[in-house]
Amino acid sequence: MNARLTLPVAMLLTVPPLMWSGNAVVGRMVSDLVPPMTLNFLRWFLAFLFLLPFCGRLLRPTSPLWPVWRRFLLLGLLGVGAFNALQYLALRTSSPINVTLVAASSPIWVLLIGRLFFAAPISRRQLLGALLSICGVLLVLGRGRPEFLLTVRLVPGDLYILLASISWSWYSWLLTQPGREPTEIRSDWIAFLMAQIVFGLGWSALFMAGEWSLTDAHIVWGWPLAATLIFVSLGPAILAYRCWGSGVRQAGPTVASFFANLTPLFAATLSSLLLGELPQPYHGLAFGLIVGGIVISSRR
């Protein structure tokens, strides 16, 4: 793949972490108003309604989507279903800053998945950058005390976001692989995203059904929840996925994964403004390690 990082592409890849940080903060703010799986389903259902007027043709019986349903069934699971549901689930027991910093482990998963399943080589710079990022993650998990890692007990949210990071890394690699979908889907970002949402909604509905069957799930309707749903469906869903898909195809999943590590900076800023969760000194050190990973890995 001919990956190239230019200033426009870098700006394109900066939009998703900004949206994702907002997604983490508002997801934490409404965690008592709506269950995580339900929030994920409602988010993508609204995104589906927003996009429907532009590509409703994909739902016709003669649509070119159905012959390639297996590819989008997997993309829908990894990108729409599992990743977002696990993130919202993590926010019930972990702070937005912690969630976004633990998600900074994505570069190491991108490298491993690319090497094992897509025969992608790993350069020394990429490996060093990934190791710096993972050190930042370990610093967060240890709550700023390296010796604490020997006795640390992960909260459920930390484990959920690790699983989400693996899901997102696999999803990013699949975006770069030439599928059998026709040009009218591949070249139209709205159609390509809509194809993922169609199948992702099925997975999200399945997860939501399990949530309502196995837990005491409930929803507190009101303007705070309505405003949140509009934001997460337009920003972190439609806009972020559009920019991420375009950026990954131009810069490659490895370089793009390091831009995702900008999310903690935005999350820390928004958390301090909206939630009163001020960053701790170890958060700053962890972010420094993550930025170092970005710089080293993206240099030629």
Foldseek 3Di string as FASTA:
>chain_A
DQADDDPVLLVLLLQQLLLVLVLLQLLLVCCVFFPLLVLLLLLLVVLLVVLCVVPVVCPDPPHLLVVQLVLLLLLLCLPRAQLRSLSSVLSVWDHSLLLLLLLLLLLVLLQVCCVPPVVDDDDPLSVLLNVLSVVLNCCVQLVNDNVSSVVGDDDSSSVSSNVSSNSVSVSLQSLQDDDPRDPVQNVDLSNVLSSNSVSNSVSSVVVVVVPVVPHVTDHDDDDSSVVSSVSCNVRNRPSSVSSSSVSCNHRNSNLSSLSSSCNSVSNQVVCCVPVVPHDDPSSVVSSVSSVVSNVSNPDD
